[in-house]
PDB file of all heavy atoms in Angstrom:
ATOM      1  N   VAL A   1     -17.306 -56.339 103.611  1.00  0.00           N
ATOM      2  CA  VAL A   1     -18.310 -55.271 103.580  1.00  0.00           C
ATOM      3  C   VAL A   1     -18.558 -54.788 102.152  1.00  0.00           C
ATOM      4  O   VAL A   1     -19.704 -54.715 101.696  1.00  0.00           O
ATOM      5  CB  VAL A   1     -17.887 -54.086 104.484  1.00  0.00           C
ATOM      6  CG1 VAL A   1     -18.863 -52.921 104.327  1.00  0.00           C
ATOM      7  CG2 VAL A   1     -17.839 -54.529 105.941  1.00  0.00           C
ATOM      8  N   ILE A   2     -17.489 -54.471 101.418  1.00  0.00           N
ATOM      9  CA  ILE A   2     -17.706 -53.945 100.066  1.00  0.00           C
ATOM     10  C   ILE A   2     -18.080 -55.060  99.097  1.00  0.00           C
ATOM     11  O   ILE A   2     -18.828 -54.849  98.143  1.00  0.00           O
ATOM     12  CB  ILE A   2     -16.458 -53.178  99.559  1.00  0.00           C
ATOM     13  CG1 ILE A   2     -16.814 -52.366  98.308  1.00  0.00           C
ATOM     14  CG2 ILE A   2     -15.294 -54.125  99.292  1.00  0.00           C
ATOM     15  CD1 ILE A   2     -15.698 -51.465  97.823  1.00  0.00           C
ATOM     16  N   GLY A   3     -17.584 -56.288  99.345  1.00  0.00           N
ATOM     17  CA  GLY A   3     -17.876 -57.391  98.442  1.00  0.00           C
ATOM     18  C   GLY A   3     -19.219 -58.033  98.705  1.00  0.00           C
ATOM     19  O   GLY A   3     -20.079 -58.091  97.829  1.00  0.00           O
ATOM     20  N   HIS A   4     -19.425 -58.518  99.938  1.00  0.00           N
ATOM     21  CA  HIS A   4     -20.646 -59.260 100.243  1.00  0.00           C
ATOM     22  C   HIS A   4     -21.841 -58.361 100.547  1.00  0.00           C
ATOM     23  O   HIS A   4     -22.973 -58.703 100.218  1.00  0.00           O
ATOM     24  CB  HIS A   4     -20.404 -60.193 101.437  1.00  0.00           C
ATOM     25  CG  HIS A   4     -21.588 -61.048 101.763  1.00  0.00           C
ATOM     26  ND1 HIS A   4     -22.038 -62.034 100.914  1.00  0.00           N
ATOM     27  CD2 HIS A   4     -22.428 -61.054 102.832  1.00  0.00           C
ATOM     28  CE1 HIS A   4     -23.108 -62.618 101.452  1.00  0.00           C
ATOM     29  NE2 HIS A   4     -23.364 -62.043 102.607  1.00  0.00           N
ATOM     30  N   LEU A   5     -21.602 -57.212 101.168  1.00  0.00           N
ATOM     31  CA  LEU A   5     -22.718 -56.330 101.511  1.00  0.00           C
ATOM     32  C   LEU A   5     -23.061 -55.345 100.400  1.00  0.00           C
ATOM     33  O   LEU A   5     -24.171 -54.815 100.357  1.00  0.00           O
ATOM     34  CB  LEU A   5     -22.416 -55.561 102.800  1.00  0.00           C
ATOM     35  CG  LEU A   5     -22.201 -56.400 104.064  1.00  0.00           C
ATOM     36  CD1 LEU A   5     -22.062 -55.492 105.288  1.00  0.00           C
ATOM     37  CD2 LEU A   5     -23.350 -57.391 104.281  1.00  0.00           C
ATOM     38  N   LYS A   6     -22.097 -55.077  99.492  1.00  0.00           N
ATOM     39  CA  LYS A   6     -22.345 -54.084  98.444  1.00  0.00           C
ATOM     40  C   LYS A   6     -22.162 -54.613  97.025  1.00  0.00           C
ATOM     41  O   LYS A   6     -22.616 -53.985  96.077  1.00  0.00           O
ATOM     42  CB  LYS A   6     -21.434 -52.870  98.633  1.00  0.00           C
ATOM     43  CG  LYS A   6     -21.794 -52.029  99.845  1.00  0.00           C
ATOM     44  CD  LYS A   6     -21.087 -50.689  99.839  1.00  0.00           C
ATOM     45  CE  LYS A   6     -21.427 -49.863  98.653  1.00  0.00           C
ATOM     46  NZ  LYS A   6     -22.866 -49.517  98.582  1.00  0.00           N
ATOM     47  N   GLY A   7     -21.478 -55.730  96.855  1.00  0.00           N
ATOM     48  CA  GLY A   7     -21.305 -56.291  95.523  1.00  0.00           C
ATOM     49  C   GLY A   7     -20.272 -55.599  94.672  1.00  0.00           C
ATOM     50  O   GLY A   7     -20.416 -55.516  93.451  1.00  0.00           O
ATOM     51  N   ALA A   8     -19.203 -55.094  95.276  1.00  0.00           N
ATOM     52  CA  ALA A   8     -18.138 -54.416  94.527  1.00  0.00           C
ATOM     53  C   ALA A   8     -16.780 -54.956  94.979  1.00  0.00           C
ATOM     54  O   ALA A   8     -16.639 -55.453  96.108  1.00  0.00           O
ATOM     55  CB  ALA A   8     -18.207 -52.907  94.732  1.00  0.00           C
ATOM     56  N   PRO A   9     -15.753 -54.871  94.144  1.00  0.00           N
ATOM     57  CA  PRO A   9     -14.433 -55.394  94.505  1.00  0.00           C
ATOM     58  C   PRO A   9     -13.616 -54.409  95.335  1.00  0.00           C
ATOM     59  O   PRO A   9     -13.516 -53.229  94.981  1.00  0.00           O
ATOM     60  CB  PRO A   9     -13.770 -55.657  93.147  1.00  0.00           C
ATOM     61  CG  PRO A   9     -14.441 -54.725  92.203  1.00  0.00           C
ATOM     62  CD  PRO A   9     -15.820 -54.447  92.737  1.00  0.00           C
ATOM     63  N   ALA A  10     -13.014 -54.904  96.409  1.00  0.00           N
ATOM     64  CA  ALA A  10     -12.171 -54.058  97.252  1.00  0.00           C
ATOM     65  C   ALA A  10     -10.971 -53.531  96.469  1.00  0.00           C
ATOM     66  O   ALA A  10     -10.540 -52.388  96.660  1.00  0.00           O
ATOM     67  CB  ALA A  10     -11.702 -54.844  98.474  1.00  0.00           C
ATOM     68  N   SER A  11     -10.420 -54.354  95.573  1.00  0.00           N
ATOM     69  CA  SER A  11      -9.250 -53.940  94.792  1.00  0.00           C
ATOM     70  C   SER A  11      -9.578 -52.755  93.893  1.00  0.00           C
ATOM     71  O   SER A  11      -8.745 -51.877  93.674  1.00  0.00           O
ATOM     72  CB  SER A  11      -8.750 -55.114  93.946  1.00  0.00           C
ATOM     73  OG  SER A  11      -9.795 -55.636  93.139  1.00  0.00           O
ATOM     74  N   TRP A  12     -10.789 -52.724  93.358  1.00  0.00           N
ATOM     75  CA  TRP A  12     -11.225 -51.608  92.512  1.00  0.00           C
ATOM     76  C   TRP A  12     -11.292 -50.321  93.326  1.00  0.00           C
ATOM     77  O   TRP A  12     -10.805 -49.268  92.911  1.00  0.00           O
ATOM     78  CB  TRP A  12     -12.596 -51.945  91.914  1.00  0.00           C
ATOM     79  CG  TRP A  12     -13.359 -50.792  91.369  1.00  0.00           C
ATOM     80  CD1 TRP A  12     -13.127 -50.137  90.191  1.00  0.00           C
ATOM     81  CD2 TRP A  12     -14.494 -50.152  91.968  1.00  0.00           C
ATOM     82  NE1 TRP A  12     -14.054 -49.125  90.022  1.00  0.00           N
ATOM     83  CE2 TRP A  12     -14.903 -49.116  91.097  1.00  0.00           C
ATOM     84  CE3 TRP A  12     -15.207 -50.366  93.142  1.00  0.00           C
ATOM     85  CZ2 TRP A  12     -15.988 -48.285  91.383  1.00  0.00           C
ATOM     86  CZ3 TRP A  12     -16.288 -49.548  93.430  1.00  0.00           C
ATOM     87  CH2 TRP A  12     -16.667 -48.527  92.555  1.00  0.00           C
ATOM     88  N   TRP A  13     -11.888 -50.397  94.505  1.00  0.00           N
ATOM     89  CA  TRP A  13     -11.996 -49.208  95.353  1.00  0.00           C
ATOM     90  C   TRP A  13     -10.612 -48.711  95.750  1.00  0.00           C
ATOM     91  O   TRP A  13     -10.334 -47.514  95.684  1.00  0.00           O
ATOM     92  CB  TRP A  13     -12.820 -49.526  96.607  1.00  0.00           C
ATOM     93  CG  TRP A  13     -13.047 -48.329  97.476  1.00  0.00           C
ATOM     94  CD1 TRP A  13     -14.050 -47.416  97.386  1.00  0.00           C
ATOM     95  CD2 TRP A  13     -12.215 -47.891  98.572  1.00  0.00           C
ATOM     96  NE1 TRP A  13     -13.903 -46.450  98.354  1.00  0.00           N
ATOM     97  CE2 TRP A  13     -12.801 -46.717  99.088  1.00  0.00           C
ATOM     98  CE3 TRP A  13     -11.051 -48.395  99.157  1.00  0.00           C
ATOM     99  CZ2 TRP A  13     -12.247 -46.028 100.160  1.00  0.00           C
ATOM    100  CZ3 TRP A  13     -10.498 -47.714 100.222  1.00  0.00           C
ATOM    101  CH2 TRP A  13     -11.098 -46.534 100.719  1.00  0.00           C
ATOM    102  N   ASN A  14      -9.739 -49.628  96.165  1.00  0.00           N
ATOM    103  CA  ASN A  14      -8.387 -49.233  96.558  1.00  0.00           C
ATOM    104  C   ASN A  14      -7.650 -48.563  95.399  1.00  0.00           C
ATOM    105  O   ASN A  14      -6.977 -47.537  95.580  1.00  0.00           O
ATOM    106  CB  ASN A  14      -7.594 -50.455  97.023  1.00  0.00           C
ATOM    107  CG  ASN A  14      -8.075 -51.002  98.349  1.00  0.00           C
ATOM    108  OD1 ASN A  14      -8.649 -50.280  99.160  1.00  0.00           O
ATOM    109  ND2 ASN A  14      -7.865 -52.283  98.573  1.00  0.00           N
ATOM    110  N   HIS A  15      -7.774 -49.141  94.222  1.00  0.00           N
ATOM    111  CA  HIS A  15      -7.072 -48.627  93.042  1.00  0.00           C
ATOM    112  C   HIS A  15      -7.462 -47.180  92.748  1.00  0.00           C
ATOM    113  O   HIS A  15      -6.603 -46.329  92.479  1.00  0.00           O
ATOM    114  CB  HIS A  15      -7.377 -49.511  91.837  1.00  0.00           C
ATOM    115  CG  HIS A  15      -6.816 -49.007  90.546  1.00  0.00           C
ATOM    116  ND1 HIS A  15      -5.469 -49.031  90.267  1.00  0.00           N
ATOM    117  CD2 HIS A  15      -7.417 -48.453  89.457  1.00  0.00           C
ATOM    118  CE1 HIS A  15      -5.254 -48.511  89.065  1.00  0.00           C
ATOM    119  NE2 HIS A  15      -6.424 -48.153  88.552  1.00  0.00           N
ATOM    120  N   LEU A  16      -8.762 -46.888  92.801  1.00  0.00           N
ATOM    121  CA  LEU A  16      -9.233 -45.539  92.488  1.00  0.00           C
ATOM    122  C   LEU A  16      -9.050 -44.568  93.646  1.00  0.00           C
ATOM    123  O   LEU A  16      -8.597 -43.439  93.464  1.00  0.00           O
ATOM    124  CB  LEU A  16     -10.713 -45.591  92.088  1.00  0.00           C
ATOM    125  CG  LEU A  16     -11.065 -46.324  90.795  1.00  0.00           C
ATOM    126  CD1 LEU A  16     -12.560 -46.299  90.563  1.00  0.00           C
ATOM    127  CD2 LEU A  16     -10.327 -45.723  89.604  1.00  0.00           C
ATOM    128  N   HIS A  17      -9.391 -45.034  94.849  1.00  0.00           N
ATOM    129  CA  HIS A  17      -9.443 -44.115  95.977  1.00  0.00           C
ATOM    130  C   HIS A  17      -8.053 -43.693  96.450  1.00  0.00           C
ATOM    131  O   HIS A  17      -7.870 -42.554  96.884  1.00  0.00           O
ATOM    132  CB  HIS A  17     -10.206 -44.753  97.137  1.00  0.00           C
ATOM    133  CG  HIS A  17     -10.716 -43.756  98.130  1.00  0.00           C
ATOM    134  ND1 HIS A  17     -11.657 -42.794  97.802  1.00  0.00           N
ATOM    135  CD2 HIS A  17     -10.413 -43.544  99.443  1.00  0.00           C
ATOM    136  CE1 HIS A  17     -11.915 -42.047  98.863  1.00  0.00           C
ATOM    137  NE2 HIS A  17     -11.168 -42.478  99.866  1.00  0.00           N
ATOM    138  N   PHE A  18      -7.082 -44.560  96.338  1.00  0.00           N
ATOM    139  CA  PHE A  18      -5.726 -44.192  96.757  1.00  0.00           C
ATOM    140  C   PHE A  18      -5.131 -43.165  95.798  1.00  0.00           C
ATOM    141  O   PHE A  18      -4.352 -42.301  96.208  1.00  0.00           O
ATOM    142  CB  PHE A  18      -4.830 -45.428  96.842  1.00  0.00           C
ATOM    143  CG  PHE A  18      -5.211 -46.374  97.952  1.00  0.00           C
ATOM    144  CD1 PHE A  18      -4.618 -47.620  98.057  1.00  0.00           C
ATOM    145  CD2 PHE A  18      -6.163 -46.021  98.895  1.00  0.00           C
ATOM    146  CE1 PHE A  18      -4.975 -48.489  99.081  1.00  0.00           C
ATOM    147  CE2 PHE A  18      -6.518 -46.877  99.924  1.00  0.00           C
ATOM    148  CZ  PHE A  18      -5.920 -48.127 100.020  1.00  0.00           C
ATOM    149  N   GLN A  19      -5.489 -43.246  94.511  1.00  0.00           N
ATOM    150  CA  GLN A  19      -5.057 -42.215  93.563  1.00  0.00           C
ATOM    151  C   GLN A  19      -5.676 -40.869  93.928  1.00  0.00           C
ATOM    152  O   GLN A  19      -5.010 -39.824  93.861  1.00  0.00           O
ATOM    153  CB  GLN A  19      -5.476 -42.593  92.137  1.00  0.00           C
ATOM    154  CG  GLN A  19      -4.783 -43.786  91.561  1.00  0.00           C
ATOM    155  CD  GLN A  19      -5.257 -44.074  90.151  1.00  0.00           C
ATOM    156  OE1 GLN A  19      -4.955 -43.331  89.207  1.00  0.00           O
ATOM    157  NE2 GLN A  19      -6.014 -45.149  89.985  1.00  0.00           N
ATOM    158  N   HIS A  20      -6.959 -40.915  94.306  1.00  0.00           N
ATOM    159  CA  HIS A  20      -7.649 -39.687  94.695  1.00  0.00           C
ATOM    160  C   HIS A  20      -6.968 -39.028  95.880  1.00  0.00           C
ATOM    161  O   HIS A  20      -6.759 -37.811  95.901  1.00  0.00           O
ATOM    162  CB  HIS A  20      -9.105 -40.000  95.022  1.00  0.00           C
ATOM    163  CG  HIS A  20      -9.802 -38.916  95.794  1.00  0.00           C
ATOM    164  ND1 HIS A  20     -10.106 -37.685  95.234  1.00  0.00           N
ATOM    165  CD2 HIS A  20     -10.230 -38.864  97.081  1.00  0.00           C
ATOM    166  CE1 HIS A  20     -10.700 -36.931  96.149  1.00  0.00           C
ATOM    167  NE2 HIS A  20     -10.790 -37.611  97.273  1.00  0.00           N
ATOM    168  N   HIS A  21      -6.602 -39.804  96.891  1.00  0.00           N
ATOM    169  CA  HIS A  21      -5.977 -39.225  98.081  1.00  0.00           C
ATOM    170  C   HIS A  21      -4.560 -38.742  97.808  1.00  0.00           C
ATOM    171  O   HIS A  21      -4.095 -37.796  98.453  1.00  0.00           O
ATOM    172  CB  HIS A  21      -5.973 -40.244  99.223  1.00  0.00           C
ATOM    173  CG  HIS A  21      -7.191 -40.163 100.083  1.00  0.00           C
ATOM    174  ND1 HIS A  21      -7.233 -39.413 101.243  1.00  0.00           N
ATOM    175  CD2 HIS A  21      -8.421 -40.713  99.947  1.00  0.00           C
ATOM    176  CE1 HIS A  21      -8.441 -39.514 101.786  1.00  0.00           C
ATOM    177  NE2 HIS A  21      -9.182 -40.298 101.016  1.00  0.00           N
ATOM    178  N   ALA A  22      -3.880 -39.370  96.874  1.00  0.00           N
ATOM    179  CA  ALA A  22      -2.514 -38.947  96.564  1.00  0.00           C
ATOM    180  C   ALA A  22      -2.496 -37.601  95.848  1.00  0.00           C
ATOM    181  O   ALA A  22      -1.651 -36.744  96.139  1.00  0.00           O
ATOM    182  CB  ALA A  22      -1.823 -40.006  95.708  1.00  0.00           C
ATOM    183  N   LYS A  23      -3.436 -37.412  94.916  1.00  0.00           N
ATOM    184  CA  LYS A  23      -3.471 -36.182  94.115  1.00  0.00           C
ATOM    185  C   LYS A  23      -4.914 -35.683  93.957  1.00  0.00           C
ATOM    186  O   LYS A  23      -5.471 -35.683  92.855  1.00  0.00           O
ATOM    187  CB  LYS A  23      -2.866 -36.438  92.726  1.00  0.00           C
ATOM    188  CG  LYS A  23      -1.397 -36.800  92.721  1.00  0.00           C
ATOM    189  CD  LYS A  23      -0.512 -35.599  93.054  1.00  0.00           C
ATOM    190  CE  LYS A  23       0.962 -35.951  92.935  1.00  0.00           C
ATOM    191  NZ  LYS A  23       1.832 -34.761  93.206  1.00  0.00           N
ATOM    192  N   PRO A  24      -5.556 -35.260  95.025  1.00  0.00           N
ATOM    193  CA  PRO A  24      -6.953 -34.830  94.918  1.00  0.00           C
ATOM    194  C   PRO A  24      -7.114 -33.613  94.011  1.00  0.00           C
ATOM    195  O   PRO A  24      -6.348 -32.659  94.094  1.00  0.00           O
ATOM    196  CB  PRO A  24      -7.336 -34.495  96.364  1.00  0.00           C
ATOM    197  CG  PRO A  24      -6.041 -34.172  97.037  1.00  0.00           C
ATOM    198  CD  PRO A  24      -5.024 -35.069  96.386  1.00  0.00           C
ATOM    199  N   ASN A  25      -8.121 -33.694  93.130  1.00  0.00           N
ATOM    200  CA  ASN A  25      -8.470 -32.605  92.201  1.00  0.00           C
ATOM    201  C   ASN A  25      -7.373 -32.284  91.197  1.00  0.00           C
ATOM    202  O   ASN A  25      -7.381 -31.206  90.589  1.00  0.00           O
ATOM    203  CB  ASN A  25      -8.863 -31.337  92.959  1.00  0.00           C
ATOM    204  CG  ASN A  25     -10.284 -31.410  93.496  1.00  0.00           C
ATOM    205  OD1 ASN A  25     -10.920 -32.458  93.463  1.00  0.00           O
ATOM    206  ND2 ASN A  25     -10.783 -30.289  93.991  1.00  0.00           N
ATOM    207  N   CYS A  26      -6.415 -33.198  91.018  1.00  0.00           N
ATOM    208  CA  CYS A  26      -5.387 -33.009  89.997  1.00  0.00           C
ATOM    209  C   CYS A  26      -5.833 -33.718  88.719  1.00  0.00           C
ATOM    210  O   CYS A  26      -5.962 -34.947  88.686  1.00  0.00           O
ATOM    211  CB  CYS A  26      -4.044 -33.571  90.460  1.00  0.00           C
ATOM    212  SG  CYS A  26      -3.272 -32.621  91.787  1.00  0.00           S
ATOM    213  N   PHE A  27      -6.087 -32.948  87.691  1.00  0.00           N
ATOM    214  CA  PHE A  27      -6.588 -33.478  86.427  1.00  0.00           C
ATOM    215  C   PHE A  27      -5.634 -34.524  85.859  1.00  0.00           C
ATOM    216  O   PHE A  27      -4.423 -34.341  85.869  1.00  0.00           O
ATOM    217  CB  PHE A  27      -6.777 -32.326  85.438  1.00  0.00           C
ATOM    218  CG  PHE A  27      -7.354 -32.733  84.119  1.00  0.00           C
ATOM    219  CD1 PHE A  27      -8.433 -33.601  84.047  1.00  0.00           C
ATOM    220  CD2 PHE A  27      -6.821 -32.248  82.940  1.00  0.00           C
ATOM    221  CE1 PHE A  27      -8.977 -33.971  82.826  1.00  0.00           C
ATOM    222  CE2 PHE A  27      -7.358 -32.600  81.711  1.00  0.00           C
ATOM    223  CZ  PHE A  27      -8.432 -33.476  81.653  1.00  0.00           C
ATOM    224  N   ARG A  28      -6.199 -35.641  85.399  1.00  0.00           N
ATOM    225  CA  ARG A  28      -5.500 -36.788  84.830  1.00  0.00           C
ATOM    226  C   ARG A  28      -4.772 -37.625  85.883  1.00  0.00           C
ATOM    227  O   ARG A  28      -4.145 -38.633  85.544  1.00  0.00           O
ATOM    228  CB  ARG A  28      -4.513 -36.372  83.725  1.00  0.00           C
ATOM    229  CG  ARG A  28      -5.201 -35.737  82.518  1.00  0.00           C
ATOM    230  CD  ARG A  28      -4.357 -35.884  81.258  1.00  0.00           C
ATOM    231  NE  ARG A  28      -5.077 -35.394  80.097  1.00  0.00           N
ATOM    232  CZ  ARG A  28      -4.788 -34.272  79.452  1.00  0.00           C
ATOM    233  NH1 ARG A  28      -3.788 -33.524  79.859  1.00  0.00           N
ATOM    234  NH2 ARG A  28      -5.486 -33.906  78.387  1.00  0.00           N
ATOM    235  N   LYS A  29      -4.832 -37.242  87.143  1.00  0.00           N
ATOM    236  CA  LYS A  29      -4.235 -38.050  88.207  1.00  0.00           C
ATOM    237  C   LYS A  29      -5.260 -38.457  89.259  1.00  0.00           C
ATOM    238  O   LYS A  29      -5.104 -39.493  89.891  1.00  0.00           O
ATOM    239  CB  LYS A  29      -3.064 -37.303  88.859  1.00  0.00           C
ATOM    240  CG  LYS A  29      -1.874 -37.135  87.914  1.00  0.00           C
ATOM    241  CD  LYS A  29      -0.640 -36.617  88.630  1.00  0.00           C
ATOM    242  CE  LYS A  29       0.543 -36.577  87.676  1.00  0.00           C
ATOM    243  NZ  LYS A  29       1.788 -36.091  88.326  1.00  0.00           N
ATOM    244  N   ASP A  30      -6.283 -37.648  89.445  1.00  0.00           N
ATOM    245  CA  ASP A  30      -7.370 -37.995  90.353  1.00  0.00           C
ATOM    246  C   ASP A  30      -8.535 -38.526  89.518  1.00  0.00           C
ATOM    247  O   ASP A  30      -9.162 -37.777  88.769  1.00  0.00           O
ATOM    248  CB  ASP A  30      -7.813 -36.755  91.138  1.00  0.00           C
ATOM    249  CG  ASP A  30      -8.965 -37.047  92.079  1.00  0.00           C
ATOM    250  OD1 ASP A  30      -9.388 -38.212  92.176  1.00  0.00           O
ATOM    251  OD2 ASP A  30      -9.454 -36.097  92.738  1.00  0.00           O
ATOM    252  N   PRO A  31      -8.839 -39.830  89.635  1.00  0.00           N
ATOM    253  CA  PRO A  31      -9.931 -40.393  88.813  1.00  0.00           C
ATOM    254  C   PRO A  31     -11.297 -39.793  89.120  1.00  0.00           C
ATOM    255  O   PRO A  31     -12.206 -39.892  88.301  1.00  0.00           O
ATOM    256  CB  PRO A  31      -9.897 -41.890  89.162  1.00  0.00           C
ATOM    257  CG  PRO A  31      -9.175 -41.978  90.459  1.00  0.00           C
ATOM    258  CD  PRO A  31      -8.202 -40.846  90.484  1.00  0.00           C
ATOM    259  N   ASP A  32     -11.440 -39.123  90.264  1.00  0.00           N
ATOM    260  CA  ASP A  32     -12.738 -38.541  90.624  1.00  0.00           C
ATOM    261  C   ASP A  32     -13.094 -37.317  89.789  1.00  0.00           C
ATOM    262  O   ASP A  32     -14.245 -36.866  89.807  1.00  0.00           O
ATOM    263  CB  ASP A  32     -12.759 -38.161  92.105  1.00  0.00           C
ATOM    264  CG  ASP A  32     -12.882 -39.382  93.008  1.00  0.00           C
ATOM    265  OD1 ASP A  32     -12.826 -40.508  92.478  1.00  0.00           O
ATOM    266  OD2 ASP A  32     -13.037 -39.213  94.226  1.00  0.00           O
ATOM    267  N   VAL A  33     -12.124 -36.755  89.065  1.00  0.00           N
ATOM    268  CA  VAL A  33     -12.422 -35.600  88.204  1.00  0.00           C
ATOM    269  C   VAL A  33     -12.280 -35.961  86.729  1.00  0.00           C
ATOM    270  O   VAL A  33     -12.081 -35.091  85.879  1.00  0.00           O
ATOM    271  CB  VAL A  33     -11.537 -34.379  88.549  1.00  0.00           C
ATOM    272  CG1 VAL A  33     -11.870 -33.866  89.934  1.00  0.00           C
ATOM    273  CG2 VAL A  33     -10.053 -34.715  88.436  1.00  0.00           C
ATOM    274  N   ASN A  34     -12.414 -37.247  86.439  1.00  0.00           N
ATOM    275  CA  ASN A  34     -12.277 -37.702  85.054  1.00  0.00           C
ATOM    276  C   ASN A  34     -13.444 -37.284  84.164  1.00  0.00           C
ATOM    277  O   ASN A  34     -13.403 -37.494  82.962  1.00  0.00           O
ATOM    278  CB  ASN A  34     -12.132 -39.234  84.997  1.00  0.00           C
ATOM    279  CG  ASN A  34     -10.696 -39.675  85.199  1.00  0.00           C
ATOM    280  OD1 ASN A  34      -9.782 -38.853  85.208  1.00  0.00           O
ATOM    281  ND2 ASN A  34     -10.488 -40.967  85.374  1.00  0.00           N
ATOM    282  N   MET A  35     -14.514 -36.726  84.750  1.00  0.00           N
ATOM    283  CA  MET A  35     -15.649 -36.304  83.912  1.00  0.00           C
ATOM    284  C   MET A  35     -15.350 -34.987  83.202  1.00  0.00           C
ATOM    285  O   MET A  35     -16.152 -34.530  82.386  1.00  0.00           O
ATOM    286  CB  MET A  35     -16.930 -36.176  84.747  1.00  0.00           C
ATOM    287  CG  MET A  35     -16.849 -35.227  85.904  1.00  0.00           C
ATOM    288  SD  MET A  35     -16.420 -36.126  87.399  1.00  0.00           S
ATOM    289  CE  MET A  35     -16.892 -34.966  88.679  1.00  0.00           C
ATOM    290  N   HIS A  36     -14.226 -34.355  83.484  1.00  0.00           N
ATOM    291  CA  HIS A  36     -13.785 -33.182  82.738  1.00  0.00           C
ATOM    292  C   HIS A  36     -12.898 -33.656  81.591  1.00  0.00           C
ATOM    293  O   HIS A  36     -11.983 -34.458  81.804  1.00  0.00           O
ATOM    294  CB  HIS A  36     -12.982 -32.242  83.646  1.00  0.00           C
ATOM    295  CG  HIS A  36     -12.349 -31.094  82.914  1.00  0.00           C
ATOM    296  ND1 HIS A  36     -12.971 -29.871  82.786  1.00  0.00           N
ATOM    297  CD2 HIS A  36     -11.171 -30.984  82.247  1.00  0.00           C
ATOM    298  CE1 HIS A  36     -12.198 -29.063  82.081  1.00  0.00           C
ATOM    299  NE2 HIS A  36     -11.098 -29.708  81.751  1.00  0.00           N
ATOM    300  N   PRO A  37     -13.105 -33.172  80.356  1.00  0.00           N
ATOM    301  CA  PRO A  37     -14.149 -32.238  79.914  1.00  0.00           C
ATOM    302  C   PRO A  37     -15.312 -32.926  79.200  1.00  0.00           C
ATOM    303  O   PRO A  37     -16.107 -32.260  78.557  1.00  0.00           O
ATOM    304  CB  PRO A  37     -13.374 -31.375  78.929  1.00  0.00           C
ATOM    305  CG  PRO A  37     -12.446 -32.365  78.263  1.00  0.00           C
ATOM    306  CD  PRO A  37     -12.080 -33.381  79.326  1.00  0.00           C
ATOM    307  N   LEU A  38     -15.401 -34.257  79.300  1.00  0.00           N
ATOM    308  CA  LEU A  38     -16.409 -34.978  78.533  1.00  0.00           C
ATOM    309  C   LEU A  38     -17.830 -34.535  78.886  1.00  0.00           C
ATOM    310  O   LEU A  38     -18.655 -34.283  78.008  1.00  0.00           O
ATOM    311  CB  LEU A  38     -16.261 -36.484  78.765  1.00  0.00           C
ATOM    312  CG  LEU A  38     -17.155 -37.384  77.904  1.00  0.00           C
ATOM    313  CD1 LEU A  38     -16.882 -37.140  76.420  1.00  0.00           C
ATOM    314  CD2 LEU A  38     -16.947 -38.842  78.259  1.00  0.00           C
ATOM    315  N   PHE A  39     -18.111 -34.425  80.201  1.00  0.00           N
ATOM    316  CA  PHE A  39     -19.455 -34.048  80.633  1.00  0.00           C
ATOM    317  C   PHE A  39     -19.509 -32.663  81.275  1.00  0.00           C
ATOM    318  O   PHE A  39     -20.480 -31.937  81.111  1.00  0.00           O
ATOM    319  CB  PHE A  39     -19.999 -35.079  81.622  1.00  0.00           C
ATOM    320  CG  PHE A  39     -20.240 -36.424  81.015  1.00  0.00           C
ATOM    321  CD1 PHE A  39     -19.491 -37.517  81.419  1.00  0.00           C
ATOM    322  CD2 PHE A  39     -21.189 -36.597  80.026  1.00  0.00           C
ATOM    323  CE1 PHE A  39     -19.703 -38.761  80.855  1.00  0.00           C
ATOM    324  CE2 PHE A  39     -21.420 -37.832  79.457  1.00  0.00           C
ATOM    325  CZ  PHE A  39     -20.668 -38.933  79.874  1.00  0.00           C
ATOM    326  N   PHE A  40     -18.465 -32.326  82.041  1.00  0.00           N
ATOM    327  CA  PHE A  40     -18.479 -31.072  82.783  1.00  0.00           C
ATOM    328  C   PHE A  40     -17.181 -30.316  82.575  1.00  0.00           C
ATOM    329  O   PHE A  40     -16.127 -30.908  82.351  1.00  0.00           O
ATOM    330  CB  PHE A  40     -18.676 -31.345  84.285  1.00  0.00           C
ATOM    331  CG  PHE A  40     -19.893 -32.163  84.590  1.00  0.00           C
ATOM    332  CD1 PHE A  40     -19.784 -33.483  84.994  1.00  0.00           C
ATOM    333  CD2 PHE A  40     -21.167 -31.614  84.473  1.00  0.00           C
ATOM    334  CE1 PHE A  40     -20.898 -34.247  85.267  1.00  0.00           C
ATOM    335  CE2 PHE A  40     -22.293 -32.362  84.749  1.00  0.00           C
ATOM    336  CZ  PHE A  40     -22.164 -33.690  85.153  1.00  0.00           C
ATOM    337  N   ALA A  41     -17.260 -28.998  82.685  1.00  0.00           N
ATOM    338  CA  ALA A  41     -16.071 -28.146  82.669  1.00  0.00           C
ATOM    339  C   ALA A  41     -15.754 -27.814  84.122  1.00  0.00           C
ATOM    340  O   ALA A  41     -16.472 -27.048  84.752  1.00  0.00           O
ATOM    341  CB  ALA A  41     -16.320 -26.882  81.860  1.00  0.00           C
ATOM    342  N   LEU A  42     -14.688 -28.405  84.649  1.00  0.00           N
ATOM    343  CA  LEU A  42     -14.388 -28.304  86.073  1.00  0.00           C
ATOM    344  C   LEU A  42     -13.248 -27.332  86.341  1.00  0.00           C
ATOM    345  O   LEU A  42     -12.236 -27.343  85.647  1.00  0.00           O
ATOM    346  CB  LEU A  42     -14.012 -29.684  86.622  1.00  0.00           C
ATOM    347  CG  LEU A  42     -15.076 -30.788  86.479  1.00  0.00           C
ATOM    348  CD1 LEU A  42     -14.519 -32.113  86.987  1.00  0.00           C
ATOM    349  CD2 LEU A  42     -16.333 -30.420  87.239  1.00  0.00           C
ATOM    350  N   GLY A  43     -13.403 -26.519  87.362  1.00  0.00           N
ATOM    351  CA  GLY A  43     -12.333 -25.640  87.795  1.00  0.00           C
ATOM    352  C   GLY A  43     -12.156 -24.428  86.896  1.00  0.00           C
ATOM    353  O   GLY A  43     -12.394 -24.486  85.685  1.00  0.00           O
TER     354      GLY A  43
END
């Protein structure tokens, strides 16, 4: 689904998303908040 239907690697999604679930919104541990402080001031 992610490879053939979307063109992205499953390993990449697993690598990022499992970190997010382990430490959600924890700066430097959740890759989903990595835009702080380069683009946005979060929290």
